[in-house]
Amino acid sequence: MVTTRDGRLVSHDIRYFVTSLDADRVTATQLLDYVRGHWQIENCLHFLKDRWWDEDRHWCQRPGLGTRLAMLTSAALDVLRLLAAKLSPPGRRSQPLCRRADWLGENPHVALQALGFAPT
């Protein structure tokens, strides 16, 4: 439901969700929190994987290859998150993932050293 500042109703949405949760054990507020929590995670992953790495545009016809590529993308994101201190520009440890990955693309020797593939 959306209202204006003076209290007039502008629009009203009704959405239906299917769940296995018992109505006696969960309140409407808790259910709304579950739904919003799910979409918050979905939107964050979608932004990183699709908007930034353009994952939805890439497709393949070989069975299973798309799943493998998605797993590699997820693994790359996990490495960027877990090794944030090692894989960030000097003096900029709190860089967003996008900038950190771009910087590593320009400095691949840093990534290889942090992952143990190149001498320090």
N, C-alpha and C. Protein backbone atom coordinates (compact mmCIF):
# COMPACT_ATOMS: atom_id res chain seq x y z
N MET A 1 0.84 -1.17 0.00
CA MET A 1 0.00 0.00 0.00
C MET A 1 0.89 1.24 0.00
N VAL A 2 0.61 2.18 -0.87
CA VAL A 2 1.37 3.42 -0.96
C VAL A 2 0.42 4.57 -0.69
N THR A 3 0.86 5.47 0.20
CA THR A 3 0.04 6.64 0.51
C THR A 3 0.86 7.91 0.28
N THR A 4 0.16 9.01 0.04
CA THR A 4 0.82 10.30 -0.09
C THR A 4 1.05 10.88 1.29
N ARG A 5 1.71 12.03 1.35
CA ARG A 5 2.02 12.65 2.65
C ARG A 5 0.76 13.06 3.41
N ASP A 6 -0.28 13.37 2.68
CA ASP A 6 -1.51 13.78 3.37
C ASP A 6 -2.40 12.58 3.73
N GLY A 7 -1.91 11.35 3.48
CA GLY A 7 -2.62 10.15 3.90
C GLY A 7 -3.53 9.52 2.88
N ARG A 8 -3.58 10.08 1.66
CA ARG A 8 -4.44 9.49 0.63
C ARG A 8 -3.80 8.23 0.07
N LEU A 9 -4.63 7.22 -0.20
CA LEU A 9 -4.16 5.95 -0.76
C LEU A 9 -3.92 6.13 -2.26
N VAL A 10 -2.70 5.81 -2.70
CA VAL A 10 -2.35 5.94 -4.11
C VAL A 10 -2.47 4.59 -4.82
N SER A 11 -1.91 3.55 -4.23
CA SER A 11 -2.03 2.23 -4.85
C SER A 11 -2.05 1.16 -3.77
N HIS A 12 -2.49 -0.01 -4.17
CA HIS A 12 -2.61 -1.12 -3.23
C HIS A 12 -2.27 -2.39 -4.00
N ASP A 13 -1.25 -3.10 -3.56
CA ASP A 13 -0.82 -4.34 -4.20
C ASP A 13 -1.16 -5.52 -3.32
N ILE A 14 -1.59 -6.59 -3.96
CA ILE A 14 -1.82 -7.84 -3.26
C ILE A 14 -0.91 -8.87 -3.91
N ARG A 15 -0.10 -9.53 -3.09
CA ARG A 15 0.79 -10.57 -3.60
C ARG A 15 0.53 -11.85 -2.83
N TYR A 16 0.60 -12.95 -3.53
CA TYR A 16 0.37 -14.25 -2.93
C TYR A 16 1.66 -15.06 -2.93
N PHE A 17 1.94 -15.73 -1.84
CA PHE A 17 3.13 -16.55 -1.70
C PHE A 17 2.73 -17.92 -1.18
N VAL A 18 3.42 -18.93 -1.65
CA VAL A 18 3.17 -20.30 -1.20
C VAL A 18 4.29 -20.66 -0.23
N THR A 19 3.94 -21.20 0.91
CA THR A 19 4.93 -21.55 1.91
C THR A 19 4.49 -22.80 2.66
N SER A 20 5.44 -23.47 3.24
CA SER A 20 5.13 -24.63 4.07
C SER A 20 5.09 -24.25 5.55
N LEU A 21 5.26 -22.98 5.87
CA LEU A 21 5.24 -22.54 7.26
C LEU A 21 3.82 -22.61 7.82
N ASP A 22 3.71 -23.00 9.06
CA ASP A 22 2.43 -23.11 9.73
C ASP A 22 1.94 -21.72 10.14
N ALA A 23 0.70 -21.39 9.83
CA ALA A 23 0.15 -20.07 10.14
C ALA A 23 0.11 -19.81 11.64
N ASP A 24 0.08 -20.85 12.46
CA ASP A 24 0.07 -20.66 13.91
C ASP A 24 1.45 -20.33 14.46
N ARG A 25 2.50 -20.61 13.69
CA ARG A 25 3.87 -20.41 14.19
C ARG A 25 4.56 -19.18 13.63
N VAL A 26 4.04 -18.59 12.59
CA VAL A 26 4.68 -17.43 11.98
C VAL A 26 3.64 -16.32 11.81
N THR A 27 4.07 -15.11 12.11
CA THR A 27 3.17 -13.96 11.96
C THR A 27 3.34 -13.39 10.56
N ALA A 28 2.43 -12.52 10.19
CA ALA A 28 2.50 -11.88 8.88
C ALA A 28 3.77 -11.03 8.77
N THR A 29 4.16 -10.38 9.86
CA THR A 29 5.38 -9.57 9.85
C THR A 29 6.62 -10.44 9.65
N GLN A 30 6.67 -11.58 10.33
CA GLN A 30 7.80 -12.48 10.14
C GLN A 30 7.86 -13.02 8.71
N LEU A 31 6.71 -13.36 8.16
CA LEU A 31 6.66 -13.85 6.79
C LEU A 31 7.14 -12.77 5.81
N LEU A 32 6.74 -11.54 6.04
CA LEU A 32 7.20 -10.43 5.20
C LEU A 32 8.71 -10.27 5.31
N ASP A 33 9.25 -10.41 6.51
CA ASP A 33 10.71 -10.34 6.69
C ASP A 33 11.42 -11.46 5.93
N TYR A 34 10.87 -12.66 5.93
CA TYR A 34 11.45 -13.77 5.18
C TYR A 34 11.49 -13.46 3.68
N VAL A 35 10.37 -12.96 3.18
CA VAL A 35 10.28 -12.67 1.74
C VAL A 35 11.25 -11.56 1.37
N ARG A 36 11.29 -10.49 2.15
CA ARG A 36 12.22 -9.39 1.87
C ARG A 36 13.66 -9.84 1.99
N GLY A 37 13.96 -10.69 2.95
CA GLY A 37 15.31 -11.21 3.11
C GLY A 37 15.74 -12.03 1.90
N HIS A 38 14.82 -12.85 1.40
CA HIS A 38 15.13 -13.64 0.20
C HIS A 38 15.44 -12.73 -0.98
N TRP A 39 14.61 -11.74 -1.21
CA TRP A 39 14.81 -10.88 -2.38
C TRP A 39 16.01 -9.97 -2.21
N GLN A 40 16.38 -9.63 -0.98
CA GLN A 40 17.58 -8.83 -0.76
C GLN A 40 18.81 -9.63 -1.21
N ILE A 41 18.86 -10.90 -0.84
CA ILE A 41 19.97 -11.75 -1.27
C ILE A 41 19.96 -11.91 -2.79
N GLU A 42 18.79 -12.18 -3.33
CA GLU A 42 18.66 -12.37 -4.78
C GLU A 42 19.10 -11.12 -5.54
N ASN A 43 18.67 -9.96 -5.07
CA ASN A 43 19.03 -8.72 -5.76
C ASN A 43 20.51 -8.42 -5.65
N CYS A 44 21.13 -8.70 -4.52
CA CYS A 44 22.56 -8.46 -4.37
C CYS A 44 23.36 -9.37 -5.30
N LEU A 45 23.01 -10.64 -5.36
CA LEU A 45 23.72 -11.56 -6.25
C LEU A 45 23.45 -11.21 -7.71
N HIS A 46 22.23 -10.84 -8.02
CA HIS A 46 21.91 -10.50 -9.40
C HIS A 46 22.71 -9.29 -9.85
N PHE A 47 22.85 -8.29 -9.00
CA PHE A 47 23.62 -7.10 -9.38
C PHE A 47 25.05 -7.47 -9.69
N LEU A 48 25.68 -8.24 -8.80
CA LEU A 48 27.08 -8.59 -9.01
C LEU A 48 27.28 -9.49 -10.22
N LYS A 49 26.45 -10.49 -10.35
CA LYS A 49 26.66 -11.47 -11.42
C LYS A 49 26.14 -11.00 -12.77
N ASP A 50 25.02 -10.34 -12.80
CA ASP A 50 24.46 -9.97 -14.09
C ASP A 50 24.78 -8.53 -14.47
N ARG A 51 24.51 -7.62 -13.61
CA ARG A 51 24.71 -6.22 -13.97
C ARG A 51 26.19 -5.88 -14.16
N TRP A 52 27.03 -6.49 -13.36
CA TRP A 52 28.44 -6.15 -13.41
C TRP A 52 29.21 -7.07 -14.35
N TRP A 53 28.99 -8.39 -14.26
CA TRP A 53 29.69 -9.34 -15.11
C TRP A 53 28.84 -9.78 -16.31
N ASP A 54 27.63 -9.22 -16.46
CA ASP A 54 26.77 -9.46 -17.62
C ASP A 54 26.51 -10.95 -17.85
N GLU A 55 26.23 -11.66 -16.76
CA GLU A 55 26.09 -13.11 -16.82
C GLU A 55 24.88 -13.57 -17.64
N ASP A 56 23.77 -12.84 -17.59
CA ASP A 56 22.57 -13.28 -18.31
C ASP A 56 22.73 -13.21 -19.82
N ARG A 57 23.61 -12.35 -20.31
CA ARG A 57 23.81 -12.22 -21.75
C ARG A 57 24.59 -13.39 -22.32
N HIS A 58 25.41 -14.02 -21.51
CA HIS A 58 26.22 -15.13 -21.98
C HIS A 58 25.43 -16.44 -21.89
N TRP A 59 25.46 -17.19 -22.93
CA TRP A 59 24.76 -18.46 -22.93
C TRP A 59 25.56 -19.45 -23.76
N CYS A 60 25.28 -20.70 -23.56
CA CYS A 60 25.98 -21.75 -24.30
C CYS A 60 25.01 -22.90 -24.56
N GLN A 61 25.35 -23.70 -25.56
CA GLN A 61 24.47 -24.80 -25.94
C GLN A 61 24.93 -26.13 -25.36
N ARG A 62 26.14 -26.20 -24.84
CA ARG A 62 26.62 -27.46 -24.29
C ARG A 62 25.95 -27.72 -22.94
N PRO A 63 25.38 -28.87 -22.74
CA PRO A 63 24.72 -29.19 -21.47
C PRO A 63 25.71 -29.12 -20.30
N GLY A 64 25.31 -28.42 -19.27
CA GLY A 64 26.12 -28.33 -18.06
C GLY A 64 27.17 -27.25 -18.06
N LEU A 65 27.50 -26.68 -19.22
CA LEU A 65 28.55 -25.67 -19.27
C LEU A 65 28.11 -24.37 -18.59
N GLY A 66 26.86 -23.99 -18.76
CA GLY A 66 26.35 -22.79 -18.11
C GLY A 66 26.44 -22.88 -16.59
N THR A 67 26.13 -24.05 -16.06
CA THR A 67 26.23 -24.28 -14.61
C THR A 67 27.67 -24.16 -14.15
N ARG A 68 28.58 -24.72 -14.92
CA ARG A 68 30.00 -24.65 -14.56
C ARG A 68 30.51 -23.21 -14.59
N LEU A 69 30.09 -22.44 -15.59
CA LEU A 69 30.52 -21.04 -15.67
C LEU A 69 29.96 -20.23 -14.50
N ALA A 70 28.71 -20.50 -14.12
CA ALA A 70 28.12 -19.82 -12.97
C ALA A 70 28.87 -20.18 -11.69
N MET A 71 29.31 -21.44 -11.57
CA MET A 71 30.08 -21.85 -10.39
C MET A 71 31.43 -21.13 -10.35
N LEU A 72 32.07 -20.95 -11.50
CA LEU A 72 33.34 -20.22 -11.54
C LEU A 72 33.15 -18.76 -11.15
N THR A 73 32.06 -18.16 -11.60
CA THR A 73 31.76 -16.78 -11.21
C THR A 73 31.55 -16.68 -9.71
N SER A 74 30.80 -17.62 -9.14
CA SER A 74 30.58 -17.62 -7.69
C SER A 74 31.88 -17.83 -6.93
N ALA A 75 32.74 -18.70 -7.44
CA ALA A 75 34.03 -18.94 -6.79
C ALA A 75 34.89 -17.68 -6.84
N ALA A 76 34.88 -16.97 -7.96
CA ALA A 76 35.64 -15.73 -8.06
C ALA A 76 35.13 -14.69 -7.07
N LEU A 77 33.82 -14.58 -6.92
CA LEU A 77 33.26 -13.64 -5.95
C LEU A 77 33.65 -14.03 -4.53
N ASP A 78 33.63 -15.32 -4.23
CA ASP A 78 34.01 -15.78 -2.90
C ASP A 78 35.48 -15.45 -2.60
N VAL A 79 36.35 -15.64 -3.57
CA VAL A 79 37.77 -15.32 -3.38
C VAL A 79 37.93 -13.82 -3.13
N LEU A 80 37.22 -13.01 -3.89
CA LEU A 80 37.30 -11.55 -3.70
C LEU A 80 36.83 -11.14 -2.31
N ARG A 81 35.81 -11.82 -1.80
CA ARG A 81 35.31 -11.50 -0.46
C ARG A 81 36.25 -12.00 0.64
N LEU A 82 36.72 -13.23 0.50
CA LEU A 82 37.54 -13.84 1.56
C LEU A 82 38.94 -13.24 1.66
N LEU A 83 39.51 -12.87 0.54
CA LEU A 83 40.87 -12.33 0.53
C LEU A 83 40.86 -10.82 0.30
N ALA A 84 39.90 -10.15 0.88
CA ALA A 84 39.75 -8.71 0.66
C ALA A 84 41.01 -7.93 1.03
N ALA A 85 41.64 -8.27 2.14
CA ALA A 85 42.82 -7.52 2.57
C ALA A 85 44.00 -7.72 1.62
N LYS A 86 44.17 -8.94 1.12
CA LYS A 86 45.29 -9.23 0.22
C LYS A 86 45.05 -8.76 -1.21
N LEU A 87 43.80 -8.74 -1.61
CA LEU A 87 43.47 -8.46 -3.00
C LEU A 87 42.88 -7.08 -3.21
N SER A 88 43.33 -6.09 -2.45
CA SER A 88 42.85 -4.73 -2.59
C SER A 88 44.02 -3.81 -2.90
N PRO A 89 43.73 -2.70 -3.55
CA PRO A 89 44.81 -1.73 -3.81
C PRO A 89 45.41 -1.25 -2.50
N PRO A 90 46.70 -0.97 -2.48
CA PRO A 90 47.33 -0.47 -1.24
C PRO A 90 46.65 0.79 -0.74
N GLY A 91 46.36 0.82 0.55
CA GLY A 91 45.71 1.98 1.16
C GLY A 91 44.22 2.06 0.91
N ARG A 92 43.64 1.08 0.25
CA ARG A 92 42.21 1.10 -0.06
C ARG A 92 41.59 -0.25 0.25
N ARG A 93 41.63 -0.65 1.48
CA ARG A 93 41.17 -1.99 1.87
C ARG A 93 39.66 -2.15 1.84
N SER A 94 38.92 -1.06 1.83
CA SER A 94 37.46 -1.18 1.88
C SER A 94 36.83 -0.90 0.51
N GLN A 95 37.52 -1.22 -0.55
CA GLN A 95 36.99 -1.03 -1.90
C GLN A 95 35.82 -1.96 -2.16
N PRO A 96 34.85 -1.52 -2.94
CA PRO A 96 33.78 -2.43 -3.34
C PRO A 96 34.32 -3.57 -4.20
N LEU A 97 33.60 -4.66 -4.26
CA LEU A 97 34.05 -5.83 -5.03
C LEU A 97 34.34 -5.49 -6.49
N CYS A 98 33.51 -4.67 -7.09
CA CYS A 98 33.69 -4.32 -8.50
C CYS A 98 35.04 -3.64 -8.72
N ARG A 99 35.36 -2.66 -7.90
CA ARG A 99 36.64 -1.95 -8.05
C ARG A 99 37.82 -2.85 -7.74
N ARG A 100 37.64 -3.71 -6.74
CA ARG A 100 38.71 -4.63 -6.37
C ARG A 100 39.03 -5.57 -7.54
N ALA A 101 38.00 -6.11 -8.17
CA ALA A 101 38.20 -7.02 -9.29
C ALA A 101 38.80 -6.29 -10.49
N ASP A 102 38.35 -5.07 -10.74
CA ASP A 102 38.93 -4.29 -11.84
C ASP A 102 40.41 -4.03 -11.59
N TRP A 103 40.76 -3.69 -10.36
CA TRP A 103 42.16 -3.44 -10.01
C TRP A 103 42.99 -4.70 -10.20
N LEU A 104 42.44 -5.85 -9.82
CA LEU A 104 43.15 -7.11 -10.00
C LEU A 104 43.31 -7.46 -11.48
N GLY A 105 42.35 -7.05 -12.29
CA GLY A 105 42.48 -7.26 -13.73
C GLY A 105 43.64 -6.46 -14.31
N GLU A 106 43.90 -5.31 -13.72
CA GLU A 106 45.03 -4.49 -14.16
C GLU A 106 46.35 -4.94 -13.52
N ASN A 107 46.28 -5.66 -12.41
CA ASN A 107 47.46 -6.12 -11.68
C ASN A 107 47.35 -7.62 -11.39
N PRO A 108 47.36 -8.48 -12.41
CA PRO A 108 47.15 -9.91 -12.18
C PRO A 108 48.23 -10.56 -11.33
N HIS A 109 49.43 -9.97 -11.31
CA HIS A 109 50.50 -10.56 -10.49
C HIS A 109 50.14 -10.55 -9.01
N VAL A 110 49.39 -9.54 -8.56
CA VAL A 110 48.97 -9.48 -7.15
C VAL A 110 48.03 -10.64 -6.84
N ALA A 111 47.08 -10.90 -7.73
CA ALA A 111 46.14 -12.00 -7.51
C ALA A 111 46.87 -13.34 -7.51
N LEU A 112 47.81 -13.53 -8.42
CA LEU A 112 48.54 -14.78 -8.49
C LEU A 112 49.40 -14.99 -7.23
N GLN A 113 49.99 -13.92 -6.72
CA GLN A 113 50.77 -14.03 -5.48
C GLN A 113 49.89 -14.36 -4.29
N ALA A 114 48.74 -13.70 -4.19
CA ALA A 114 47.84 -13.93 -3.06
C ALA A 114 47.30 -15.36 -3.06
N LEU A 115 47.12 -15.92 -4.24
CA LEU A 115 46.59 -17.27 -4.34
C LEU A 115 47.68 -18.34 -4.33
N GLY A 116 48.94 -17.92 -4.25
CA GLY A 116 50.05 -18.86 -4.14
C GLY A 116 50.55 -19.42 -5.46
N PHE A 117 50.22 -18.76 -6.58
CA PHE A 117 50.65 -19.24 -7.88
C PHE A 117 51.89 -18.53 -8.41
N ALA A 118 52.37 -17.52 -7.70
CA ALA A 118 53.55 -16.80 -8.15
C ALA A 118 54.43 -16.50 -6.94
N PRO A 119 55.73 -16.40 -7.15
CA PRO A 119 56.61 -16.10 -6.00
C PRO A 119 56.34 -14.72 -5.46
N THR A 120 56.53 -14.55 -4.16
CA THR A 120 56.29 -13.25 -3.51
C THR A 120 57.50 -12.36 -3.61
